[in-house]
């Protein structure tokens, strides 16, 4: 028996979340980069480059999300959701490269200041204002995105929420660096830029590893599998679980399971038990599960039995 879950509502909410994040990051990338250059703030400039990376990330996600939303076909019976993981790896590599470049540039700036090769003008107070406004906007986006994740249970939305949290920490580092530079510790501003770069690198590595794991069909966390087993065994008529396969396709899972039932029941009764298992799993996990396939056999204690036809 097969159950396909309608994901249109979740995709619509995901689209709105991505569009809002994209719009905000375009404005932040332009504003922070310009103010970082004019206001002599290496940290804010680094954060502006980070926002530019976010814009690229959002554009790639938006494009691949549209492709991934295509319905399943004969060549792709489980849909096109894996495209999200492929796009994430490309974006993760770009973010990682950007973070390394910013980190190296910030270290060179610190070295030049310490050795006296280059003088450094203290960042303007306007830089602090922009960093603070960025911080407030990202706090709002974080809670907005986290709320949408609670509604949709879409892992993509959760990843975007983590990215906003990453930006919150980066903006905080900018504020600290600029304020310390105001007190004469000039190397703290490029040092804050290096800290921002570390956050960027960490995000890039995390995206690459997580997406690679999804493409390699890694087994979901043990808690997920345990919940699936507990729900299945709670259904009347299910004696045991003979085989369980959980596979991830983009933001959702497919479950294939063989359950053991009483060998003396009819085939129709076995189908009803399977349907109850499917329904209970779908009601619990909502959009996290795209498809459930249940087969039933006589349980191990009834191996000699045969199902009745009627």
C-alpha atoms as a PDB file:
ATOM      1  CA  UNK A   1       0.000   0.000   0.000  1.00  0.00           C
ATOM      2  CA  UNK A   2       1.229   3.503  -0.859  1.00  0.00           C
ATOM      3  CA  UNK A   3       0.591   6.933   0.610  1.00  0.00           C
ATOM      4  CA  UNK A   4       1.779  10.139  -1.084  1.00  0.00           C
ATOM      5  CA  UNK A   5       1.830  13.280   1.051  1.00  0.00           C
ATOM      6  CA  UNK A   6       0.805  16.640  -0.517  1.00  0.00           C
ATOM      7  CA  UNK A   7       3.756  18.974   0.109  1.00  0.00           C
ATOM      8  CA  UNK A   8       2.393  22.043  -1.705  1.00  0.00           C
ATOM      9  CA  UNK A   9       1.594  23.969   1.500  1.00  0.00           C
ATOM     10  CA  UNK A  10       5.043  23.359   2.909  1.00  0.00           C
ATOM     11  CA  UNK A  11       6.688  24.338  -0.370  1.00  0.00           C
ATOM     12  CA  UNK A  12       4.662  27.561  -0.417  1.00  0.00           C
ATOM     13  CA  UNK A  13       5.773  28.514   3.103  1.00  0.00           C
ATOM     14  CA  UNK A  14       9.347  27.560   2.230  1.00  0.00           C
ATOM     15  CA  UNK A  15       9.177  29.794  -0.851  1.00  0.00           C
ATOM     16  CA  UNK A  16       7.992  32.782   1.189  1.00  0.00           C
ATOM     17  CA  UNK A  17      10.748  32.227   3.745  1.00  0.00           C
ATOM     18  CA  UNK A  18      13.429  32.007   1.047  1.00  0.00           C
ATOM     19  CA  UNK A  19      12.128  35.121  -0.738  1.00  0.00           C
ATOM     20  CA  UNK A  20      12.142  37.187   2.455  1.00  0.00           C
ATOM     21  CA  UNK A  21      15.653  36.032   3.333  1.00  0.00           C
ATOM     22  CA  UNK A  22      16.860  36.756  -0.203  1.00  0.00           C
ATOM     23  CA  UNK A  23      15.391  40.273  -0.216  1.00  0.00           C
ATOM     24  CA  UNK A  24      16.925  41.129   3.162  1.00  0.00           C
ATOM     25  CA  UNK A  25      20.342  39.694   2.283  1.00  0.00           C
ATOM     26  CA  UNK A  26      20.546  41.662  -0.981  1.00  0.00           C
ATOM     27  CA  UNK A  27      19.988  44.902   0.948  1.00  0.00           C
ATOM     28  CA  UNK A  28      22.396  43.896   3.721  1.00  0.00           C
ATOM     29  CA  UNK A  29      25.128  42.826   1.287  1.00  0.00           C
ATOM     30  CA  UNK A  30      25.088  46.205  -0.472  1.00  0.00           C
ATOM     31  CA  UNK A  31      24.758  48.274   2.700  1.00  0.00           C
ATOM     32  CA  UNK A  32      27.386  46.463   4.794  1.00  0.00           C
ATOM     33  CA  UNK A  33      29.932  46.282   1.986  1.00  0.00           C
ATOM     34  CA  UNK A  34      29.662  49.995   1.189  1.00  0.00           C
ATOM     35  CA  UNK A  35      29.694  51.094   4.824  1.00  0.00           C
ATOM     36  CA  UNK A  36      32.542  48.682   5.572  1.00  0.00           C
ATOM     37  CA  UNK A  37      34.676  50.264   2.817  1.00  0.00           C
ATOM     38  CA  UNK A  38      33.744  53.888   3.552  1.00  0.00           C
ATOM     39  CA  UNK A  39      33.816  53.429   7.327  1.00  0.00           C
ATOM     40  CA  UNK A  40      37.182  51.566   7.328  1.00  0.00           C
ATOM     41  CA  UNK A  41      35.801  48.424   8.971  1.00  0.00           C
ATOM     42  CA  UNK A  42      37.367  45.149   7.897  1.00  0.00           C
ATOM     43  CA  UNK A  43      34.882  43.247  10.073  1.00  0.00           C
ATOM     44  CA  UNK A  44      31.785  44.850   8.546  1.00  0.00           C
ATOM     45  CA  UNK A  45      33.209  44.396   5.046  1.00  0.00           C
ATOM     46  CA  UNK A  46      33.772  40.712   5.814  1.00  0.00           C
ATOM     47  CA  UNK A  47      30.213  40.476   7.071  1.00  0.00           C
ATOM     48  CA  UNK A  48      29.047  42.185   3.860  1.00  0.00           C
ATOM     49  CA  UNK A  49      30.874  39.560   1.794  1.00  0.00           C
ATOM     50  CA  UNK A  50      29.209  36.927   3.954  1.00  0.00           C
ATOM     51  CA  UNK A  51      25.810  38.448   3.091  1.00  0.00           C
ATOM     52  CA  UNK A  52      26.790  38.345  -0.583  1.00  0.00           C
ATOM     53  CA  UNK A  53      27.497  34.632  -0.159  1.00  0.00           C
ATOM     54  CA  UNK A  54      24.066  34.307   1.423  1.00  0.00           C
ATOM     55  CA  UNK A  55      22.508  35.958  -1.639  1.00  0.00           C
ATOM     56  CA  UNK A  56      24.203  33.427  -3.922  1.00  0.00           C
ATOM     57  CA  UNK A  57      23.116  30.617  -1.611  1.00  0.00           C
ATOM     58  CA  UNK A  58      19.504  31.799  -1.639  1.00  0.00           C
ATOM     59  CA  UNK A  59      19.464  32.157  -5.437  1.00  0.00           C
ATOM     60  CA  UNK A  60      20.810  28.626  -5.901  1.00  0.00           C
ATOM     61  CA  UNK A  61      18.350  27.272  -3.324  1.00  0.00           C
ATOM     62  CA  UNK A  62      15.508  29.104  -5.055  1.00  0.00           C
ATOM     63  CA  UNK A  63      16.441  27.676  -8.465  1.00  0.00           C
ATOM     64  CA  UNK A  64      16.962  24.113  -7.294  1.00  0.00           C
ATOM     65  CA  UNK A  65      13.887  24.249  -5.078  1.00  0.00           C
ATOM     66  CA  UNK A  66      11.792  24.995  -8.139  1.00  0.00           C
ATOM     67  CA  UNK A  67      13.351  22.003  -9.917  1.00  0.00           C
ATOM     68  CA  UNK A  68      13.031  19.817  -6.829  1.00  0.00           C
ATOM     69  CA  UNK A  69       9.308  20.588  -6.567  1.00  0.00           C
ATOM     70  CA  UNK A  70       8.637  18.801  -9.844  1.00  0.00           C
ATOM     71  CA  UNK A  71       6.432  15.742  -9.304  1.00  0.00           C
ATOM     72  CA  UNK A  72       7.796  12.222  -9.450  1.00  0.00           C
ATOM     73  CA  UNK A  73       7.964  10.667 -12.906  1.00  0.00           C
ATOM     74  CA  UNK A  74       8.899   7.351 -14.487  1.00  0.00           C
ATOM     75  CA  UNK A  75      12.642   8.145 -14.404  1.00  0.00           C
ATOM     76  CA  UNK A  76      12.458   9.615 -10.862  1.00  0.00           C
ATOM     77  CA  UNK A  77       9.863   7.604  -8.918  1.00  0.00           C
ATOM     78  CA  UNK A  78      10.840   9.274  -5.629  1.00  0.00           C
ATOM     79  CA  UNK A  79      10.777  12.798  -7.046  1.00  0.00           C
ATOM     80  CA  UNK A  80      13.577  15.322  -7.578  1.00  0.00           C
ATOM     81  CA  UNK A  81      14.265  16.354  -3.972  1.00  0.00           C
ATOM     82  CA  UNK A  82      17.894  15.223  -4.109  1.00  0.00           C
ATOM     83  CA  UNK A  83      18.626  18.337  -6.197  1.00  0.00           C
ATOM     84  CA  UNK A  84      18.465  20.352  -2.976  1.00  0.00           C
ATOM     85  CA  UNK A  85      21.397  18.399  -1.535  1.00  0.00           C
ATOM     86  CA  UNK A  86      23.419  18.786  -4.741  1.00  0.00           C
ATOM     87  CA  UNK A  87      22.876  22.555  -4.796  1.00  0.00           C
ATOM     88  CA  UNK A  88      23.767  22.792  -1.107  1.00  0.00           C
ATOM     89  CA  UNK A  89      27.147  21.135  -1.712  1.00  0.00           C
ATOM     90  CA  UNK A  90      27.963  23.647  -4.473  1.00  0.00           C
ATOM     91  CA  UNK A  91      26.940  26.573  -2.269  1.00  0.00           C
ATOM     92  CA  UNK A  92      28.753  25.111   0.738  1.00  0.00           C
ATOM     93  CA  UNK A  93      31.978  24.933  -1.283  1.00  0.00           C
ATOM     94  CA  UNK A  94      31.539  28.561  -2.338  1.00  0.00           C
ATOM     95  CA  UNK A  95      30.908  29.692   1.247  1.00  0.00           C
ATOM     96  CA  UNK A  96      33.927  27.719   2.483  1.00  0.00           C
ATOM     97  CA  UNK A  97      36.208  29.324  -0.131  1.00  0.00           C
ATOM     98  CA  UNK A  98      34.886  32.796   0.707  1.00  0.00           C
ATOM     99  CA  UNK A  99      35.463  32.256   4.432  1.00  0.00           C
ATOM    100  CA  UNK A 100      39.056  31.107   3.912  1.00  0.00           C
ATOM    101  CA  UNK A 101      39.794  34.149   1.724  1.00  0.00           C
ATOM    102  CA  UNK A 102      38.353  36.568   4.300  1.00  0.00           C
ATOM    103  CA  UNK A 103      40.233  34.881   7.134  1.00  0.00           C
ATOM    104  CA  UNK A 104      43.549  35.110   5.271  1.00  0.00           C
ATOM    105  CA  UNK A 105      42.959  38.760   4.383  1.00  0.00           C
ATOM    106  CA  UNK A 106      42.100  39.620   7.991  1.00  0.00           C
ATOM    107  CA  UNK A 107      45.243  37.908   9.290  1.00  0.00           C
ATOM    108  CA  UNK A 108      47.370  39.848   6.800  1.00  0.00           C
ATOM    109  CA  UNK A 109      45.726  43.060   7.991  1.00  0.00           C
ATOM    110  CA  UNK A 110      46.506  42.244  11.620  1.00  0.00           C
ATOM    111  CA  UNK A 111      50.122  41.394  10.741  1.00  0.00           C
ATOM    112  CA  UNK A 112      50.551  44.690   8.857  1.00  0.00           C
ATOM    113  CA  UNK A 113      49.165  46.672  11.801  1.00  0.00           C
ATOM    114  CA  UNK A 114      51.293  44.897  14.396  1.00  0.00           C
ATOM    115  CA  UNK A 115      54.496  45.248  12.350  1.00  0.00           C
ATOM    116  CA  UNK A 116      53.724  48.854  11.427  1.00  0.00           C
ATOM    117  CA  UNK A 117      53.736  48.163   7.704  1.00  0.00           C
ATOM    118  CA  UNK A 118      50.326  49.784   7.422  1.00  0.00           C
ATOM    119  CA  UNK A 119      48.422  52.310   9.500  1.00  0.00           C
ATOM    120  CA  UNK A 120      44.756  51.752  10.142  1.00  0.00           C
ATOM    121  CA  UNK A 121      42.017  54.336  10.546  1.00  0.00           C
ATOM    122  CA  UNK A 122      39.518  53.591  13.287  1.00  0.00           C
ATOM    123  CA  UNK A 123      36.089  52.613  12.022  1.00  0.00           C
ATOM    124  CA  UNK A 124      33.357  55.258  12.130  1.00  0.00           C
ATOM    125  CA  UNK A 125      30.479  55.179  14.607  1.00  0.00           C
ATOM    126  CA  UNK A 126      28.098  54.638  11.690  1.00  0.00           C
ATOM    127  CA  UNK A 127      29.603  51.171  11.313  1.00  0.00           C
ATOM    128  CA  UNK A 128      28.343  50.244  14.787  1.00  0.00           C
ATOM    129  CA  UNK A 129      24.856  51.484  13.908  1.00  0.00           C
ATOM    130  CA  UNK A 130      24.702  49.388  10.721  1.00  0.00           C
ATOM    131  CA  UNK A 131      26.009  46.318  12.546  1.00  0.00           C
ATOM    132  CA  UNK A 132      23.402  46.783  15.279  1.00  0.00           C
ATOM    133  CA  UNK A 133      20.556  47.170  12.750  1.00  0.00           C
ATOM    134  CA  UNK A 134      21.803  44.026  11.013  1.00  0.00           C
ATOM    135  CA  UNK A 135      21.791  42.204  14.322  1.00  0.00           C
ATOM    136  CA  UNK A 136      18.177  43.205  15.026  1.00  0.00           C
ATOM    137  CA  UNK A 137      17.014  42.230  11.523  1.00  0.00           C
ATOM    138  CA  UNK A 138      18.719  38.849  11.742  1.00  0.00           C
ATOM    139  CA  UNK A 139      17.170  38.188  15.160  1.00  0.00           C
ATOM    140  CA  UNK A 140      13.743  38.775  13.608  1.00  0.00           C
ATOM    141  CA  UNK A 141      14.552  36.558  10.600  1.00  0.00           C
ATOM    142  CA  UNK A 142      15.842  33.820  12.883  1.00  0.00           C
ATOM    143  CA  UNK A 143      12.634  33.603  14.933  1.00  0.00           C
ATOM    144  CA  UNK A 144      10.455  33.988  11.826  1.00  0.00           C
ATOM    145  CA  UNK A 145      12.288  31.170  10.059  1.00  0.00           C
ATOM    146  CA  UNK A 146      12.348  28.979  13.169  1.00  0.00           C
ATOM    147  CA  UNK A 147       8.576  29.451  13.494  1.00  0.00           C
ATOM    148  CA  UNK A 148       8.091  28.336   9.886  1.00  0.00           C
ATOM    149  CA  UNK A 149      10.242  25.281  10.558  1.00  0.00           C
ATOM    150  CA  UNK A 150       7.932  24.365  13.448  1.00  0.00           C
ATOM    151  CA  UNK A 151       5.003  24.631  11.032  1.00  0.00           C
ATOM    152  CA  UNK A 152       6.514  22.787   8.069  1.00  0.00           C
ATOM    153  CA  UNK A 153       9.137  20.502   9.677  1.00  0.00           C
ATOM    154  CA  UNK A 154      11.215  21.243   6.576  1.00  0.00           C
ATOM    155  CA  UNK A 155      14.955  20.656   7.145  1.00  0.00           C
ATOM    156  CA  UNK A 156      15.744  23.314   4.524  1.00  0.00           C
ATOM    157  CA  UNK A 157      13.981  25.926   6.661  1.00  0.00           C
ATOM    158  CA  UNK A 158      15.937  24.778   9.700  1.00  0.00           C
ATOM    159  CA  UNK A 159      19.199  25.221   7.761  1.00  0.00           C
ATOM    160  CA  UNK A 160      18.193  28.786   6.882  1.00  0.00           C
ATOM    161  CA  UNK A 161      17.415  29.480  10.539  1.00  0.00           C
ATOM    162  CA  UNK A 162      20.898  28.264  11.486  1.00  0.00           C
ATOM    163  CA  UNK A 163      22.365  30.558   8.849  1.00  0.00           C
ATOM    164  CA  UNK A 164      20.539  33.531  10.400  1.00  0.00           C
ATOM    165  CA  UNK A 165      21.875  32.531  13.827  1.00  0.00           C
ATOM    166  CA  UNK A 166      25.347  32.411  12.309  1.00  0.00           C
ATOM    167  CA  UNK A 167      24.853  35.966  11.012  1.00  0.00           C
ATOM    168  CA  UNK A 168      23.723  37.117  14.461  1.00  0.00           C
ATOM    169  CA  UNK A 169      27.009  35.925  15.965  1.00  0.00           C
ATOM    170  CA  UNK A 170      28.945  37.505  13.093  1.00  0.00           C
ATOM    171  CA  UNK A 171      27.250  40.895  13.588  1.00  0.00           C
ATOM    172  CA  UNK A 172      27.975  40.679  17.309  1.00  0.00           C
ATOM    173  CA  UNK A 173      31.648  40.121  16.508  1.00  0.00           C
ATOM    174  CA  UNK A 174      31.621  43.208  14.274  1.00  0.00           C
ATOM    175  CA  UNK A 175      30.171  45.393  17.032  1.00  0.00           C
ATOM    176  CA  UNK A 176      32.714  44.167  19.587  1.00  0.00           C
ATOM    177  CA  UNK A 177      35.610  44.641  17.182  1.00  0.00           C
ATOM    178  CA  UNK A 178      34.652  48.201  16.207  1.00  0.00           C
ATOM    179  CA  UNK A 179      34.021  49.278  19.800  1.00  0.00           C
ATOM    180  CA  UNK A 180      37.396  47.889  20.907  1.00  0.00           C
ATOM    181  CA  UNK A 181      39.064  49.710  18.013  1.00  0.00           C
ATOM    182  CA  UNK A 182      37.506  52.940  19.292  1.00  0.00           C
ATOM    183  CA  UNK A 183      39.430  52.430  22.520  1.00  0.00           C
ATOM    184  CA  UNK A 184      42.704  52.245  20.624  1.00  0.00           C
ATOM    185  CA  UNK A 185      42.933  48.493  20.111  1.00  0.00           C
ATOM    186  CA  UNK A 186      42.931  48.842  16.315  1.00  0.00           C
ATOM    187  CA  UNK A 187      43.801  45.237  15.544  1.00  0.00           C
ATOM    188  CA  UNK A 188      40.529  44.112  17.120  1.00  0.00           C
ATOM    189  CA  UNK A 189      38.522  45.201  14.062  1.00  0.00           C
ATOM    190  CA  UNK A 190      40.359  42.936  11.568  1.00  0.00           C
ATOM    191  CA  UNK A 191      40.457  40.310  14.337  1.00  0.00           C
ATOM    192  CA  UNK A 192      36.658  40.461  14.425  1.00  0.00           C
ATOM    193  CA  UNK A 193      36.767  40.035  10.635  1.00  0.00           C
ATOM    194  CA  UNK A 194      38.763  36.842  11.168  1.00  0.00           C
ATOM    195  CA  UNK A 195      36.157  35.642  13.686  1.00  0.00           C
ATOM    196  CA  UNK A 196      33.411  36.304  11.146  1.00  0.00           C
ATOM    197  CA  UNK A 197      35.416  34.268   8.622  1.00  0.00           C
ATOM    198  CA  UNK A 198      35.582  31.346  11.064  1.00  0.00           C
ATOM    199  CA  UNK A 199      31.789  31.368  11.330  1.00  0.00           C
ATOM    200  CA  UNK A 200      31.559  31.389   7.518  1.00  0.00           C
ATOM    201  CA  UNK A 201      33.989  28.462   7.183  1.00  0.00           C
ATOM    202  CA  UNK A 202      32.131  26.506   9.858  1.00  0.00           C
ATOM    203  CA  UNK A 203      28.834  27.019   8.036  1.00  0.00           C
ATOM    204  CA  UNK A 204      30.341  25.934   4.705  1.00  0.00           C
ATOM    205  CA  UNK A 205      31.829  22.749   6.157  1.00  0.00           C
ATOM    206  CA  UNK A 206      28.567  21.924   7.939  1.00  0.00           C
ATOM    207  CA  UNK A 207      26.540  22.330   4.735  1.00  0.00           C
ATOM    208  CA  UNK A 208      28.947  20.154   2.721  1.00  0.00           C
ATOM    209  CA  UNK A 209      29.045  17.333   5.263  1.00  0.00           C
ATOM    210  CA  UNK A 210      25.306  17.320   5.905  1.00  0.00           C
ATOM    211  CA  UNK A 211      24.390  17.412   2.213  1.00  0.00           C
ATOM    212  CA  UNK A 212      26.970  14.752   1.316  1.00  0.00           C
ATOM    213  CA  UNK A 213      25.536  12.526   4.024  1.00  0.00           C
ATOM    214  CA  UNK A 214      22.049  12.926   2.547  1.00  0.00           C
ATOM    215  CA  UNK A 215      23.265  12.069  -0.964  1.00  0.00           C
ATOM    216  CA  UNK A 216      24.989   8.945   0.339  1.00  0.00           C
ATOM    217  CA  UNK A 217      21.672   7.858   1.860  1.00  0.00           C
ATOM    218  CA  UNK A 218      22.985   7.905   5.424  1.00  0.00           C
ATOM    219  CA  UNK A 219      20.791   6.263   8.053  1.00  0.00           C
ATOM    220  CA  UNK A 220      18.687   8.863   9.925  1.00  0.00           C
ATOM    221  CA  UNK A 221      19.359   9.452  13.600  1.00  0.00           C
ATOM    222  CA  UNK A 222      18.487   6.610  15.965  1.00  0.00           C
ATOM    223  CA  UNK A 223      15.677   8.585  17.623  1.00  0.00           C
ATOM    224  CA  UNK A 224      13.799   8.811  14.321  1.00  0.00           C
ATOM    225  CA  UNK A 225      14.019   5.065  13.736  1.00  0.00           C
ATOM    226  CA  UNK A 226      13.013   4.320  17.329  1.00  0.00           C
ATOM    227  CA  UNK A 227       9.912   6.500  17.022  1.00  0.00           C
ATOM    228  CA  UNK A 228       8.940   4.767  13.770  1.00  0.00           C
ATOM    229  CA  UNK A 229       9.256   1.355  15.443  1.00  0.00           C
ATOM    230  CA  UNK A 230       7.324   2.412  18.558  1.00  0.00           C
ATOM    231  CA  UNK A 231       4.454   3.840  16.485  1.00  0.00           C
ATOM    232  CA  UNK A 232       4.303   0.721  14.312  1.00  0.00           C
ATOM    233  CA  UNK A 233       4.277  -1.712  17.244  1.00  0.00           C
ATOM    234  CA  UNK A 234       1.522   0.302  18.945  1.00  0.00           C
ATOM    235  CA  UNK A 235      -0.922  -0.604  16.155  1.00  0.00           C
ATOM    236  CA  UNK A 236      -3.223  -3.500  17.020  1.00  0.00           C
ATOM    237  CA  UNK A 237      -2.370  -6.569  14.988  1.00  0.00           C
ATOM    238  CA  UNK A 238       1.328  -5.823  14.499  1.00  0.00           C
ATOM    239  CA  UNK A 239       3.350  -8.540  16.204  1.00  0.00           C
ATOM    240  CA  UNK A 240       6.839  -7.567  15.094  1.00  0.00           C
ATOM    241  CA  UNK A 241       8.890  -5.634  12.528  1.00  0.00           C
ATOM    242  CA  UNK A 242      10.862  -7.910  10.229  1.00  0.00           C
ATOM    243  CA  UNK A 243      12.570  -5.249   8.131  1.00  0.00           C
ATOM    244  CA  UNK A 244      12.718  -1.439   8.182  1.00  0.00           C
ATOM    245  CA  UNK A 245      14.287   0.856   5.588  1.00  0.00           C
ATOM    246  CA  UNK A 246      14.308   4.644   5.973  1.00  0.00           C
ATOM    247  CA  UNK A 247      15.661   6.708   3.094  1.00  0.00           C
ATOM    248  CA  UNK A 248      16.017  10.459   2.767  1.00  0.00           C
ATOM    249  CA  UNK A 249      15.102  12.285  -0.437  1.00  0.00           C
ATOM    250  CA  UNK A 250      15.741  16.009  -0.035  1.00  0.00           C
ATOM    251  CA  UNK A 251      13.782  17.355   2.937  1.00  0.00           C
ATOM    252  CA  UNK A 252      11.598  14.275   3.406  1.00  0.00           C
ATOM    253  CA  UNK A 253      11.841  10.573   4.143  1.00  0.00           C
ATOM    254  CA  UNK A 254      10.446   7.430   2.570  1.00  0.00           C
ATOM    255  CA  UNK A 255       9.779   4.405   4.731  1.00  0.00           C
ATOM    256  CA  UNK A 256       9.688   0.800   3.564  1.00  0.00           C
ATOM    257  CA  UNK A 257       8.703  -1.784   6.135  1.00  0.00           C
ATOM    258  CA  UNK A 258       7.800  -5.435   6.490  1.00  0.00           C
ATOM    259  CA  UNK A 259       5.619  -6.184   9.508  1.00  0.00           C
ATOM    260  CA  UNK A 260       4.734  -9.523  11.052  1.00  0.00           C
ATOM    261  CA  UNK A 261       1.055 -10.241  11.709  1.00  0.00           C
ATOM    262  CA  UNK A 262      -1.084 -13.191  12.803  1.00  0.00           C
ATOM    263  CA  UNK A 263      -0.864 -15.875  10.126  1.00  0.00           C
ATOM    264  CA  UNK A 264      -4.523 -16.848  10.613  1.00  0.00           C
ATOM    265  CA  UNK A 265      -5.998 -13.489   9.566  1.00  0.00           C
ATOM    266  CA  UNK A 266      -7.322 -12.775   6.063  1.00  0.00           C
ATOM    267  CA  UNK A 267      -5.452 -10.778   3.435  1.00  0.00           C
ATOM    268  CA  UNK A 268      -8.051  -8.029   3.759  1.00  0.00           C
ATOM    269  CA  UNK A 269      -7.436  -7.821   7.515  1.00  0.00           C
ATOM    270  CA  UNK A 270      -3.697  -7.635   6.859  1.00  0.00           C
ATOM    271  CA  UNK A 271      -4.254  -4.744   4.438  1.00  0.00           C
ATOM    272  CA  UNK A 272      -6.268  -2.887   7.080  1.00  0.00           C
ATOM    273  CA  UNK A 273      -3.467  -3.277   9.620  1.00  0.00           C
ATOM    274  CA  UNK A 274      -0.927  -1.976   7.083  1.00  0.00           C
ATOM    275  CA  UNK A 275      -3.137   1.019   6.334  1.00  0.00           C
ATOM    276  CA  UNK A 276      -3.428   1.815  10.051  1.00  0.00           C
ATOM    277  CA  UNK A 277       0.378   1.786  10.352  1.00  0.00           C
ATOM    278  CA  UNK A 278       0.728   4.122   7.358  1.00  0.00           C
ATOM    279  CA  UNK A 279      -1.934   6.493   8.649  1.00  0.00           C
ATOM    280  CA  UNK A 280      -0.455   6.650  12.131  1.00  0.00           C
ATOM    281  CA  UNK A 281       3.062   7.344  10.807  1.00  0.00           C
ATOM    282  CA  UNK A 282       1.869  10.080   8.439  1.00  0.00           C
ATOM    283  CA  UNK A 283      -0.223  11.762  11.131  1.00  0.00           C
ATOM    284  CA  UNK A 284       2.751  11.813  13.483  1.00  0.00           C
ATOM    285  CA  UNK A 285       5.484  13.019  11.123  1.00  0.00           C
ATOM    286  CA  UNK A 286       3.359  15.153   8.776  1.00  0.00           C
ATOM    287  CA  UNK A 287       5.467  16.585   5.915  1.00  0.00           C
ATOM    288  CA  UNK A 288       8.662  14.878   7.074  1.00  0.00           C
ATOM    289  CA  UNK A 289       7.504  11.687   5.334  1.00  0.00           C
ATOM    290  CA  UNK A 290       6.736  11.663   1.630  1.00  0.00           C
ATOM    291  CA  UNK A 291       5.928   7.999   1.123  1.00  0.00           C
ATOM    292  CA  UNK A 292       5.252   4.915   3.242  1.00  0.00           C
ATOM    293  CA  UNK A 293       5.235   1.388   1.846  1.00  0.00           C
ATOM    294  CA  UNK A 294       4.118  -1.459   4.131  1.00  0.00           C
ATOM    295  CA  UNK A 295       4.293  -5.191   3.388  1.00  0.00           C
ATOM    296  CA  UNK A 296       3.041  -7.851   5.786  1.00  0.00           C
ATOM    297  CA  UNK A 297       4.013 -11.463   6.380  1.00  0.00           C
ATOM    298  CA  UNK A 298       3.045 -14.020   9.005  1.00  0.00           C
ATOM    299  CA  UNK A 299       5.111 -13.229  12.071  1.00  0.00           C
ATOM    300  CA  UNK A 300       8.151 -15.381  12.875  1.00  0.00           C
ATOM    301  CA  UNK A 301       6.074 -17.442  15.312  1.00  0.00           C
ATOM    302  CA  UNK A 302       3.546 -18.237  12.555  1.00  0.00           C
ATOM    303  CA  UNK A 303       5.903 -19.177   9.723  1.00  0.00           C
ATOM    304  CA  UNK A 304       3.908 -22.278   8.858  1.00  0.00           C
ATOM    305  CA  UNK A 305       0.643 -20.384   8.515  1.00  0.00           C
ATOM    306  CA  UNK A 306      -0.891 -19.043   5.314  1.00  0.00           C
ATOM    307  CA  UNK A 307      -3.231 -16.080   4.937  1.00  0.00           C
ATOM    308  CA  UNK A 308      -6.854 -16.754   4.159  1.00  0.00           C
ATOM    309  CA  UNK A 309      -8.147 -15.319   0.905  1.00  0.00           C
ATOM    310  CA  UNK A 310     -11.380 -13.981   2.423  1.00  0.00           C
END
